[in-house]
Amino acid sequence: MDSEDSDKVQIGENKFVSKSILLSQLSTYNLYYKGEALQLRHREEEGELVIEGLLNVFWGVQRPIRLQMQDEKEAGRPRPSLTSLSSETDIDTYNEAATTDDQSKDFGDGEKEEEEADEEQQEPTHSDRLARARSDVGGRRISGRRLGIRRLKRHRCSFNGHFYNHKTAVFTPKFGSVTNVRVNSCMTTTQVMRVLLNKFKIENSPDEFSLYIVHTSGERHQLKPNDHPLALRVLKGPCEQVSKMFLMETDQVEEVTHDVAQYIKFELPVLQSFIAKLQEEEEREMQKVKKRYADIRRIIKKYMQNLAD
């Protein structure tokens, strides 16, 4: 019995697959990604097969997600108030902007003093002309830096590698864009989602999301909380043109079975004819059920009448 259990690998709650099958699929998976970072490693731990590596996850959220305003490693550092800055200002350029403003102010004071000195002297000396020429060059440079600040203010603030509006601290990933997380085949769907949300400092609860296997045919299946996404990805095969793993809101997405997926790719007139046929079939089935119960009632009433006589 123990030998049979050791040959099985858990891929979900009460779901197991043969170790040999999983290893065969893993070999195909690594051959597909040969020489790339998505190749997976495997090892044995106390007789249990463990696969680990990067798992591609595609963004499929429809609502904005909330991001932490401050990374944990920077929690001890004072930051400028985000509300005091433009919504289009890059945080990294804040210090540069402040430095440039100070330099502009100092330059303005020096220029004013030079003008007052010029008024006192009717005939400027050669050294005065040279100083004024240098001041003009410096003014052009500072004006250029001021223009650069205006351009920088049009850039959106970036936290953890993604753009978002830092006034509201929300971010909507582009639908279908891909990211990846380092996981192993023992991790459940819930654990994988927590790793993904922590990677991007997302404050939303993992309960708001779920992982879905989405096929190009339109078929869509939700992974259960205790499923093992990396093992399932290996079993589905490596080609993402056939199926992808998406992170989506649980309350915004419905599962699409294989039977339904066969129809949704057709044109509107064809779909309308399918619906008409389904309604006809439904009506026939209803008539069969009604007739069956009517026959049962008739037999029971006849039996009751015989008892009364």
C-alpha atoms as a PDB file:
ATOM      1  CA  MET A   1       0.000   0.000   0.000  1.00  0.00           C
ATOM      2  CA  ASP A   2       2.857   2.345   0.884  1.00  0.00           C
ATOM      3  CA  SER A   3       4.573   1.637  -2.453  1.00  0.00           C
ATOM      4  CA  GLU A   4       1.369   2.573  -4.272  1.00  0.00           C
ATOM      5  CA  ASP A   5       1.092   5.856  -2.320  1.00  0.00           C
ATOM      6  CA  SER A   6       4.750   6.738  -3.016  1.00  0.00           C
ATOM      7  CA  ASP A   7       4.059   6.432  -6.728  1.00  0.00           C
ATOM      8  CA  LYS A   8       1.300   9.041  -6.499  1.00  0.00           C
ATOM      9  CA  VAL A   9       1.690  12.826  -6.491  1.00  0.00           C
ATOM     10  CA  GLN A  10      -1.037  15.031  -5.046  1.00  0.00           C
ATOM     11  CA  ILE A  11      -2.284  17.724  -7.415  1.00  0.00           C
ATOM     12  CA  GLY A  12      -5.350  18.764  -5.434  1.00  0.00           C
ATOM     13  CA  GLU A  13      -7.750  17.775  -2.698  1.00  0.00           C
ATOM     14  CA  ASN A  14      -8.324  14.034  -3.105  1.00  0.00           C
ATOM     15  CA  LYS A  15      -6.720  14.260  -6.564  1.00  0.00           C
ATOM     16  CA  PHE A  16      -3.568  12.325  -7.385  1.00  0.00           C
ATOM     17  CA  VAL A  17      -1.545  11.493 -10.484  1.00  0.00           C
ATOM     18  CA  SER A  18       1.087   8.880 -11.171  1.00  0.00           C
ATOM     19  CA  LYS A  19       4.640  10.080 -10.541  1.00  0.00           C
ATOM     20  CA  SER A  20       5.814   8.554 -13.823  1.00  0.00           C
ATOM     21  CA  ILE A  21       3.158  10.476 -15.774  1.00  0.00           C
ATOM     22  CA  LEU A  22       4.092  13.753 -14.072  1.00  0.00           C
ATOM     23  CA  LEU A  23       7.809  13.191 -14.732  1.00  0.00           C
ATOM     24  CA  SER A  24       7.085  12.429 -18.374  1.00  0.00           C
ATOM     25  CA  GLN A  25       5.080  15.645 -18.709  1.00  0.00           C
ATOM     26  CA  LEU A  26       7.847  17.530 -16.892  1.00  0.00           C
ATOM     27  CA  SER A  27      10.401  16.268 -19.403  1.00  0.00           C
ATOM     28  CA  THR A  28       8.234  17.563 -22.259  1.00  0.00           C
ATOM     29  CA  TYR A  29       7.728  20.856 -20.408  1.00  0.00           C
ATOM     30  CA  ASN A  30      11.478  21.422 -19.952  1.00  0.00           C
ATOM     31  CA  LEU A  31      12.221  20.433 -23.532  1.00  0.00           C
ATOM     32  CA  TYR A  32       9.770  23.113 -24.687  1.00  0.00           C
ATOM     33  CA  TYR A  33      11.503  25.771 -22.554  1.00  0.00           C
ATOM     34  CA  LYS A  34      15.040  24.514 -23.153  1.00  0.00           C
ATOM     35  CA  GLY A  35      17.583  27.189 -22.290  1.00  0.00           C
ATOM     36  CA  GLU A  36      14.949  29.526 -20.831  1.00  0.00           C
ATOM     37  CA  ALA A  37      14.221  30.681 -17.287  1.00  0.00           C
ATOM     38  CA  LEU A  38      10.885  28.823 -17.253  1.00  0.00           C
ATOM     39  CA  GLN A  39      12.568  25.429 -17.101  1.00  0.00           C
ATOM     40  CA  LEU A  40      11.630  23.580 -13.904  1.00  0.00           C
ATOM     41  CA  ARG A  41      13.732  21.552 -11.468  1.00  0.00           C
ATOM     42  CA  HIS A  42      12.615  18.539  -9.465  1.00  0.00           C
ATOM     43  CA  ARG A  43      13.878  16.646  -6.433  1.00  0.00           C
ATOM     44  CA  GLU A  44      12.814  13.971  -3.991  1.00  0.00           C
ATOM     45  CA  GLU A  45      11.998  14.916  -0.393  1.00  0.00           C
ATOM     46  CA  GLU A  46      11.238  11.974   1.895  1.00  0.00           C
ATOM     47  CA  GLY A  47       9.997   9.997  -1.072  1.00  0.00           C
ATOM     48  CA  GLU A  48       7.825  12.865  -2.334  1.00  0.00           C
ATOM     49  CA  LEU A  49       8.388  14.442  -5.740  1.00  0.00           C
ATOM     50  CA  VAL A  50       8.793  18.217  -5.569  1.00  0.00           C
ATOM     51  CA  ILE A  51       8.890  20.407  -8.686  1.00  0.00           C
ATOM     52  CA  GLU A  52       9.953  24.036  -8.405  1.00  0.00           C
ATOM     53  CA  GLY A  53      10.555  27.017 -10.653  1.00  0.00           C
ATOM     54  CA  LEU A  54       8.833  29.992 -12.265  1.00  0.00           C
ATOM     55  CA  LEU A  55       5.115  29.882 -13.020  1.00  0.00           C
ATOM     56  CA  ASN A  56       3.658  32.302 -15.564  1.00  0.00           C
ATOM     57  CA  VAL A  57       0.444  33.991 -14.422  1.00  0.00           C
ATOM     58  CA  PHE A  58      -1.551  36.326 -16.668  1.00  0.00           C
ATOM     59  CA  TRP A  59      -3.459  39.321 -15.311  1.00  0.00           C
ATOM     60  CA  GLY A  60      -7.211  39.142 -15.849  1.00  0.00           C
ATOM     61  CA  VAL A  61      -8.565  41.520 -13.201  1.00  0.00           C
ATOM     62  CA  GLN A  62     -11.302  43.950 -14.221  1.00  0.00           C
ATOM     63  CA  ARG A  63     -11.268  46.276 -11.208  1.00  0.00           C
ATOM     64  CA  PRO A  64      -8.356  48.383  -9.915  1.00  0.00           C
ATOM     65  CA  ILE A  65      -6.271  46.744  -7.204  1.00  0.00           C
ATOM     66  CA  ARG A  66      -4.868  48.548  -4.171  1.00  0.00           C
ATOM     67  CA  LEU A  67      -1.122  48.827  -3.711  1.00  0.00           C
ATOM     68  CA  GLN A  68       0.905  49.592  -0.627  1.00  0.00           C
ATOM     69  CA  MET A  69       2.072  53.199  -0.626  1.00  0.00           C
ATOM     70  CA  GLN A  70       5.426  52.236   0.902  1.00  0.00           C
ATOM     71  CA  ASP A  71       7.653  49.202   0.577  1.00  0.00           C
ATOM     72  CA  GLU A  72       8.436  47.350   3.783  1.00  0.00           C
ATOM     73  CA  LYS A  73      12.204  47.846   3.371  1.00  0.00           C
ATOM     74  CA  GLU A  74      11.656  51.606   3.159  1.00  0.00           C
ATOM     75  CA  ALA A  75       9.306  51.814   6.122  1.00  0.00           C
ATOM     76  CA  GLY A  76      11.960  53.477   8.297  1.00  0.00           C
ATOM     77  CA  ARG A  77      12.834  56.148   5.736  1.00  0.00           C
ATOM     78  CA  PRO A  78      10.984  59.482   5.695  1.00  0.00           C
ATOM     79  CA  ARG A  79       9.242  60.096   2.382  1.00  0.00           C
ATOM     80  CA  PRO A  80       7.842  63.307   0.903  1.00  0.00           C
ATOM     81  CA  SER A  81       4.114  63.740   1.254  1.00  0.00           C
ATOM     82  CA  LEU A  82       2.479  62.280  -1.852  1.00  0.00           C
ATOM     83  CA  THR A  83      -0.497  64.605  -1.522  1.00  0.00           C
ATOM     84  CA  SER A  84       1.792  67.630  -1.834  1.00  0.00           C
ATOM     85  CA  LEU A  85       3.058  66.464  -5.236  1.00  0.00           C
ATOM     86  CA  SER A  86       1.425  66.394  -8.623  1.00  0.00           C
ATOM     87  CA  SER A  87      -0.284  63.098  -9.483  1.00  0.00           C
ATOM     88  CA  GLU A  88       2.035  62.835 -12.468  1.00  0.00           C
ATOM     89  CA  THR A  89       5.278  63.454 -10.528  1.00  0.00           C
ATOM     90  CA  ASP A  90       7.849  60.700 -10.242  1.00  0.00           C
ATOM     91  CA  ILE A  91       8.900  60.204  -6.611  1.00  0.00           C
ATOM     92  CA  ASP A  92      12.483  59.537  -7.656  1.00  0.00           C
ATOM     93  CA  THR A  93      12.685  63.010  -9.204  1.00  0.00           C
ATOM     94  CA  TYR A  94      11.368  64.807  -6.142  1.00  0.00           C
ATOM     95  CA  ASN A  95      14.787  65.420  -4.633  1.00  0.00           C
ATOM     96  CA  GLU A  96      16.176  66.528  -7.983  1.00  0.00           C
ATOM     97  CA  ALA A  97      13.332  68.999  -8.399  1.00  0.00           C
ATOM     98  CA  ALA A  98      13.902  70.433  -4.946  1.00  0.00           C
ATOM     99  CA  THR A  99      17.627  70.786  -5.589  1.00  0.00           C
ATOM    100  CA  THR A 100      16.997  72.502  -8.895  1.00  0.00           C
ATOM    101  CA  ASP A 101      14.539  74.952  -7.322  1.00  0.00           C
ATOM    102  CA  ASP A 102      17.126  75.877  -4.706  1.00  0.00           C
ATOM    103  CA  GLN A 103      19.727  76.428  -7.376  1.00  0.00           C
ATOM    104  CA  SER A 104      17.287  78.524  -9.384  1.00  0.00           C
ATOM    105  CA  LYS A 105      16.574  80.663  -6.335  1.00  0.00           C
ATOM    106  CA  ASP A 106      20.289  81.179  -5.635  1.00  0.00           C
ATOM    107  CA  PHE A 107      20.913  82.017  -9.250  1.00  0.00           C
ATOM    108  CA  GLY A 108      18.045  84.528  -9.245  1.00  0.00           C
ATOM    109  CA  ASP A 109      19.542  86.348  -6.221  1.00  0.00           C
ATOM    110  CA  GLY A 110      22.979  86.476  -7.847  1.00  0.00           C
ATOM    111  CA  GLU A 111      21.530  87.817 -11.077  1.00  0.00           C
ATOM    112  CA  LYS A 112      19.705  90.567  -9.186  1.00  0.00           C
ATOM    113  CA  GLU A 113      22.926  91.623  -7.455  1.00  0.00           C
ATOM    114  CA  GLU A 114      24.732  91.772 -10.801  1.00  0.00           C
ATOM    115  CA  GLU A 115      22.031  94.014 -12.259  1.00  0.00           C
ATOM    116  CA  GLU A 116      22.372  96.438  -9.333  1.00  0.00           C
ATOM    117  CA  ALA A 117      26.151  96.532  -9.840  1.00  0.00           C
ATOM    118  CA  ASP A 118      25.676  97.178 -13.554  1.00  0.00           C
ATOM    119  CA  GLU A 119      23.532 100.226 -12.804  1.00  0.00           C
ATOM    120  CA  GLU A 120      26.315 101.719 -10.704  1.00  0.00           C
ATOM    121  CA  GLN A 121      28.950 101.263 -13.397  1.00  0.00           C
ATOM    122  CA  GLN A 122      28.556 103.051 -16.691  1.00  0.00           C
ATOM    123  CA  GLU A 123      31.410 101.287 -18.454  1.00  0.00           C
ATOM    124  CA  PRO A 124      31.584  97.511 -17.638  1.00  0.00           C
ATOM    125  CA  THR A 125      35.067  95.999 -17.590  1.00  0.00           C
ATOM    126  CA  HIS A 126      36.219  92.953 -19.526  1.00  0.00           C
ATOM    127  CA  SER A 127      35.890  90.761 -16.408  1.00  0.00           C
ATOM    128  CA  ASP A 128      32.311  91.989 -15.941  1.00  0.00           C
ATOM    129  CA  ARG A 129      31.437  91.048 -19.510  1.00  0.00           C
ATOM    130  CA  LEU A 130      32.963  87.582 -18.968  1.00  0.00           C
ATOM    131  CA  ALA A 131      31.017  87.066 -15.727  1.00  0.00           C
ATOM    132  CA  ARG A 132      27.799  88.138 -17.426  1.00  0.00           C
ATOM    133  CA  ALA A 133      28.402  85.716 -20.303  1.00  0.00           C
ATOM    134  CA  ARG A 134      28.906  82.882 -17.827  1.00  0.00           C
ATOM    135  CA  SER A 135      25.688  83.882 -16.071  1.00  0.00           C
ATOM    136  CA  ASP A 136      23.790  83.753 -19.353  1.00  0.00           C
ATOM    137  CA  VAL A 137      25.095  80.230 -20.020  1.00  0.00           C
ATOM    138  CA  GLY A 138      24.129  79.163 -16.507  1.00  0.00           C
ATOM    139  CA  GLY A 139      20.660  80.593 -17.006  1.00  0.00           C
ATOM    140  CA  ARG A 140      20.157  78.555 -20.135  1.00  0.00           C
ATOM    141  CA  ARG A 141      21.244  75.407 -18.312  1.00  0.00           C
ATOM    142  CA  ILE A 142      18.884  76.047 -15.412  1.00  0.00           C
ATOM    143  CA  SER A 143      16.043  76.841 -17.810  1.00  0.00           C
ATOM    144  CA  GLY A 144      16.737  73.515 -19.482  1.00  0.00           C
ATOM    145  CA  ARG A 145      16.627  71.755 -16.123  1.00  0.00           C
ATOM    146  CA  ARG A 146      13.337  73.476 -15.322  1.00  0.00           C
ATOM    147  CA  LEU A 147      11.947  72.235 -18.632  1.00  0.00           C
ATOM    148  CA  GLY A 148      13.173  68.755 -17.720  1.00  0.00           C
ATOM    149  CA  ILE A 149      11.267  68.980 -14.434  1.00  0.00           C
ATOM    150  CA  ARG A 150       8.072  69.827 -16.296  1.00  0.00           C
ATOM    151  CA  ARG A 151       8.602  66.806 -18.502  1.00  0.00           C
ATOM    152  CA  LEU A 152       9.316  64.606 -15.524  1.00  0.00           C
ATOM    153  CA  LYS A 153       6.081  65.708 -13.895  1.00  0.00           C
ATOM    154  CA  ARG A 154       4.207  64.160 -16.796  1.00  0.00           C
ATOM    155  CA  HIS A 155       5.662  60.745 -15.914  1.00  0.00           C
ATOM    156  CA  ARG A 156       3.531  58.563 -13.690  1.00  0.00           C
ATOM    157  CA  CYS A 157       4.848  57.357 -10.353  1.00  0.00           C
ATOM    158  CA  SER A 158       6.133  53.778 -10.304  1.00  0.00           C
ATOM    159  CA  PHE A 159       6.000  51.434  -7.294  1.00  0.00           C
ATOM    160  CA  ASN A 160       7.321  47.877  -7.462  1.00  0.00           C
ATOM    161  CA  GLY A 161       7.827  48.165 -11.202  1.00  0.00           C
ATOM    162  CA  HIS A 162       4.248  49.181 -12.095  1.00  0.00           C
ATOM    163  CA  PHE A 163       2.566  52.478 -12.824  1.00  0.00           C
ATOM    164  CA  TYR A 164      -0.376  53.711 -10.816  1.00  0.00           C
ATOM    165  CA  ASN A 165      -2.015  56.862  -9.521  1.00  0.00           C
ATOM    166  CA  HIS A 166      -0.321  57.379  -6.165  1.00  0.00           C
ATOM    167  CA  LYS A 167      -3.076  59.732  -4.939  1.00  0.00           C
ATOM    168  CA  THR A 168      -5.483  56.832  -4.794  1.00  0.00           C
ATOM    169  CA  ALA A 169      -2.851  54.056  -4.641  1.00  0.00           C
ATOM    170  CA  VAL A 170      -4.628  51.881  -7.198  1.00  0.00           C
ATOM    171  CA  PHE A 171      -3.323  50.019 -10.216  1.00  0.00           C
ATOM    172  CA  THR A 172      -5.097  48.146 -13.003  1.00  0.00           C
ATOM    173  CA  PRO A 173      -2.804  45.676 -14.790  1.00  0.00           C
ATOM    174  CA  LYS A 174      -3.269  45.429 -18.526  1.00  0.00           C
ATOM    175  CA  PHE A 175      -5.496  42.465 -19.328  1.00  0.00           C
ATOM    176  CA  GLY A 176      -3.436  39.576 -20.667  1.00  0.00           C
ATOM    177  CA  SER A 177      -0.085  40.931 -19.480  1.00  0.00           C
ATOM    178  CA  VAL A 178       2.084  38.268 -17.887  1.00  0.00           C
ATOM    179  CA  THR A 179       4.123  38.037 -14.711  1.00  0.00           C
ATOM    180  CA  ASN A 180       5.701  35.081 -12.940  1.00  0.00           C
ATOM    181  CA  VAL A 181       6.291  33.806  -9.421  1.00  0.00           C
ATOM    182  CA  ARG A 182       8.710  31.240  -8.036  1.00  0.00           C
ATOM    183  CA  VAL A 183       6.693  28.385  -6.508  1.00  0.00           C
ATOM    184  CA  ASN A 184       6.809  24.615  -6.062  1.00  0.00           C
ATOM    185  CA  SER A 185       4.392  21.813  -6.798  1.00  0.00           C
ATOM    186  CA  CYS A 186       3.456  21.406  -3.125  1.00  0.00           C
ATOM    187  CA  MET A 187       1.991  24.918  -2.892  1.00  0.00           C
ATOM    188  CA  THR A 188      -1.783  25.291  -3.125  1.00  0.00           C
ATOM    189  CA  THR A 189      -3.753  27.838  -5.124  1.00  0.00           C
ATOM    190  CA  THR A 190      -4.188  30.027  -2.050  1.00  0.00           C
ATOM    191  CA  GLN A 191      -0.464  29.974  -1.289  1.00  0.00           C
ATOM    192  CA  VAL A 192       0.511  30.802  -4.874  1.00  0.00           C
ATOM    193  CA  MET A 193      -1.877  33.770  -4.922  1.00  0.00           C
ATOM    194  CA  ARG A 194      -0.417  35.072  -1.660  1.00  0.00           C
ATOM    195  CA  VAL A 195       3.091  34.922  -3.140  1.00  0.00           C
ATOM    196  CA  LEU A 196       1.900  36.807  -6.224  1.00  0.00           C
ATOM    197  CA  LEU A 197       0.101  39.517  -4.229  1.00  0.00           C
ATOM    198  CA  ASN A 198       3.063  39.959  -1.894  1.00  0.00           C
ATOM    199  CA  LYS A 199       5.432  40.279  -4.847  1.00  0.00           C
ATOM    200  CA  PHE A 200       3.608  43.387  -6.058  1.00  0.00           C
ATOM    201  CA  LYS A 201       2.676  44.681  -2.572  1.00  0.00           C
ATOM    202  CA  ILE A 202      -1.052  44.309  -3.280  1.00  0.00           C
ATOM    203  CA  GLU A 203      -3.245  45.038  -0.274  1.00  0.00           C
ATOM    204  CA  ASN A 204      -6.363  43.272  -1.561  1.00  0.00           C
ATOM    205  CA  SER A 205      -7.332  40.075   0.211  1.00  0.00           C
ATOM    206  CA  PRO A 206      -6.443  36.848  -1.633  1.00  0.00           C
ATOM    207  CA  ASP A 207     -10.079  35.815  -1.101  1.00  0.00           C
ATOM    208  CA  GLU A 208     -11.087  38.323  -3.792  1.00  0.00           C
ATOM    209  CA  PHE A 209      -9.194  36.410  -6.481  1.00  0.00           C
ATOM    210  CA  SER A 210      -8.751  32.955  -7.887  1.00  0.00           C
ATOM    211  CA  LEU A 211      -6.620  31.247 -10.497  1.00  0.00           C
ATOM    212  CA  TYR A 212      -8.256  30.044 -13.707  1.00  0.00           C
ATOM    213  CA  ILE A 213      -7.058  27.780 -16.508  1.00  0.00           C
ATOM    214  CA  VAL A 214      -8.262  29.503 -19.697  1.00  0.00           C
ATOM    215  CA  HIS A 215      -8.134  27.669 -23.023  1.00  0.00           C
ATOM    216  CA  THR A 216      -8.062  29.326 -26.433  1.00  0.00           C
ATOM    217  CA  SER A 217     -11.331  27.514 -27.179  1.00  0.00           C
ATOM    218  CA  GLY A 218     -13.005  29.646 -24.490  1.00  0.00           C
ATOM    219  CA  GLU A 219     -13.118  26.881 -21.918  1.00  0.00           C
ATOM    220  CA  ARG A 220     -12.419  28.239 -18.435  1.00  0.00           C
ATOM    221  CA  HIS A 221     -11.979  26.317 -15.182  1.00  0.00           C
ATOM    222  CA  GLN A 222     -11.453  27.712 -11.714  1.00  0.00           C
ATOM    223  CA  LEU A 223      -8.731  26.135  -9.607  1.00  0.00           C
ATOM    224  CA  LYS A 224      -9.911  24.967  -6.199  1.00  0.00           C
ATOM    225  CA  PRO A 225      -8.204  26.466  -3.113  1.00  0.00           C
ATOM    226  CA  ASN A 226      -6.349  23.197  -2.442  1.00  0.00           C
ATOM    227  CA  ASP A 227      -5.277  22.532  -6.041  1.00  0.00           C
ATOM    228  CA  HIS A 228      -1.568  22.627  -6.869  1.00  0.00           C
ATOM    229  CA  PRO A 229      -1.150  25.128  -9.746  1.00  0.00           C
ATOM    230  CA  LEU A 230       2.411  24.280 -10.790  1.00  0.00           C
ATOM    231  CA  ALA A 231       1.675  20.558 -11.043  1.00  0.00           C
ATOM    232  CA  LEU A 232      -1.507  21.291 -13.008  1.00  0.00           C
ATOM    233  CA  ARG A 233       0.412  23.608 -15.334  1.00  0.00           C
ATOM    234  CA  VAL A 234       2.895  20.819 -16.084  1.00  0.00           C
ATOM    235  CA  LEU A 235       0.070  18.358 -16.764  1.00  0.00           C
ATOM    236  CA  LYS A 236      -1.688  20.833 -19.070  1.00  0.00           C
ATOM    237  CA  GLY A 237       1.477  21.193 -21.116  1.00  0.00           C
ATOM    238  CA  PRO A 238       3.856  24.113 -21.647  1.00  0.00           C
ATOM    239  CA  CYS A 239       2.268  25.774 -24.688  1.00  0.00           C
ATOM    240  CA  GLU A 240       0.486  28.960 -23.621  1.00  0.00           C
ATOM    241  CA  GLN A 241      -1.162  29.242 -27.028  1.00  0.00           C
ATOM    242  CA  VAL A 242      -3.350  26.341 -25.914  1.00  0.00           C
ATOM    243  CA  SER A 243      -4.025  27.323 -22.302  1.00  0.00           C
ATOM    244  CA  LYS A 244      -2.949  30.020 -19.856  1.00  0.00           C
ATOM    245  CA  MET A 245      -3.226  30.526 -16.118  1.00  0.00           C
ATOM    246  CA  PHE A 246      -5.045  33.760 -15.212  1.00  0.00           C
ATOM    247  CA  LEU A 247      -5.540  35.665 -11.968  1.00  0.00           C
ATOM    248  CA  MET A 248      -9.147  36.912 -11.952  1.00  0.00           C
ATOM    249  CA  GLU A 249     -11.774  38.189  -9.526  1.00  0.00           C
ATOM    250  CA  THR A 250     -13.885  35.338  -8.223  1.00  0.00           C
ATOM    251  CA  ASP A 251     -17.137  37.334  -8.375  1.00  0.00           C
ATOM    252  CA  GLN A 252     -16.527  38.621 -11.915  1.00  0.00           C
ATOM    253  CA  VAL A 253     -15.814  35.378 -13.771  1.00  0.00           C
ATOM    254  CA  GLU A 254     -17.898  32.324 -14.519  1.00  0.00           C
ATOM    255  CA  GLU A 255     -16.602  28.915 -15.442  1.00  0.00           C
ATOM    256  CA  VAL A 256     -17.158  27.838 -19.045  1.00  0.00           C
ATOM    257  CA  THR A 257     -17.502  24.114 -19.632  1.00  0.00           C
ATOM    258  CA  HIS A 258     -16.225  22.295 -22.681  1.00  0.00           C
ATOM    259  CA  ASP A 259     -19.765  21.885 -24.046  1.00  0.00           C
ATOM    260  CA  VAL A 260     -20.470  25.626 -23.841  1.00  0.00           C
ATOM    261  CA  ALA A 261     -17.043  26.530 -25.228  1.00  0.00           C
ATOM    262  CA  GLN A 262     -17.906  24.659 -28.439  1.00  0.00           C
ATOM    263  CA  TYR A 263     -20.638  27.197 -29.212  1.00  0.00           C
ATOM    264  CA  ILE A 264     -19.279  30.598 -28.147  1.00  0.00           C
ATOM    265  CA  LYS A 265     -16.899  30.936 -31.120  1.00  0.00           C
ATOM    266  CA  PHE A 266     -19.731  30.959 -33.688  1.00  0.00           C
ATOM    267  CA  GLU A 267     -21.320  34.016 -35.301  1.00  0.00           C
ATOM    268  CA  LEU A 268     -24.487  35.599 -33.889  1.00  0.00           C
ATOM    269  CA  PRO A 269     -26.989  34.052 -36.386  1.00  0.00           C
ATOM    270  CA  VAL A 270     -25.572  30.592 -35.701  1.00  0.00           C
ATOM    271  CA  LEU A 271     -25.804  31.123 -31.945  1.00  0.00           C
ATOM    272  CA  GLN A 272     -29.412  32.270 -32.290  1.00  0.00           C
ATOM    273  CA  SER A 273     -30.268  29.082 -34.188  1.00  0.00           C
ATOM    274  CA  PHE A 274     -28.567  27.058 -31.421  1.00  0.00           C
ATOM    275  CA  ILE A 275     -30.684  28.798 -28.786  1.00  0.00           C
ATOM    276  CA  ALA A 276     -33.871  28.098 -30.783  1.00  0.00           C
ATOM    277  CA  LYS A 277     -32.972  24.408 -31.025  1.00  0.00           C
ATOM    278  CA  LEU A 278     -32.139  24.255 -27.321  1.00  0.00           C
ATOM    279  CA  GLN A 279     -35.541  25.764 -26.495  1.00  0.00           C
ATOM    280  CA  GLU A 280     -37.261  23.185 -28.710  1.00  0.00           C
ATOM    281  CA  GLU A 281     -35.338  20.381 -27.040  1.00  0.00           C
ATOM    282  CA  GLU A 282     -36.171  21.806 -23.613  1.00  0.00           C
ATOM    283  CA  GLU A 283     -39.855  21.902 -24.508  1.00  0.00           C
ATOM    284  CA  ARG A 284     -39.813  18.261 -25.668  1.00  0.00           C
ATOM    285  CA  GLU A 285     -38.109  17.171 -22.445  1.00  0.00           C
ATOM    286  CA  MET A 286     -40.664  19.097 -20.387  1.00  0.00           C
ATOM    287  CA  GLN A 287     -43.518  17.403 -22.203  1.00  0.00           C
ATOM    288  CA  LYS A 288     -41.949  13.992 -21.542  1.00  0.00           C
ATOM    289  CA  VAL A 289     -41.610  14.752 -17.821  1.00  0.00           C
ATOM    290  CA  LYS A 290     -45.183  16.078 -17.608  1.00  0.00           C
ATOM    291  CA  LYS A 291     -46.550  12.984 -19.376  1.00  0.00           C
ATOM    292  CA  ARG A 292     -44.600  10.663 -17.062  1.00  0.00           C
ATOM    293  CA  TYR A 293     -45.987  12.320 -13.922  1.00  0.00           C
ATOM    294  CA  ALA A 294     -49.471  12.473 -15.418  1.00  0.00           C
ATOM    295  CA  ASP A 295     -49.334   8.710 -16.024  1.00  0.00           C
ATOM    296  CA  ILE A 296     -48.200   8.112 -12.427  1.00  0.00           C
ATOM    297  CA  ARG A 297     -51.065  10.252 -11.081  1.00  0.00           C
ATOM    298  CA  ARG A 298     -53.602   8.416 -13.262  1.00  0.00           C
ATOM    299  CA  ILE A 299     -52.420   4.999 -12.047  1.00  0.00           C
ATOM    300  CA  ILE A 300     -52.495   6.090  -8.380  1.00  0.00           C
ATOM    301  CA  LYS A 301     -56.012   7.565  -8.728  1.00  0.00           C
ATOM    302  CA  LYS A 302     -57.244   4.386 -10.429  1.00  0.00           C
ATOM    303  CA  TYR A 303     -55.798   2.298  -7.570  1.00  0.00           C
ATOM    304  CA  MET A 304     -57.429   4.593  -4.985  1.00  0.00           C
ATOM    305  CA  GLN A 305     -60.797   4.236  -6.752  1.00  0.00           C
ATOM    306  CA  ASN A 306     -60.501   0.439  -6.680  1.00  0.00           C
ATOM    307  CA  LEU A 307     -59.827   0.555  -2.933  1.00  0.00           C
ATOM    308  CA  ALA A 308     -62.870   2.762  -2.356  1.00  0.00           C
ATOM    309  CA  ASP A 309     -65.123   0.325  -4.235  1.00  0.00           C
END
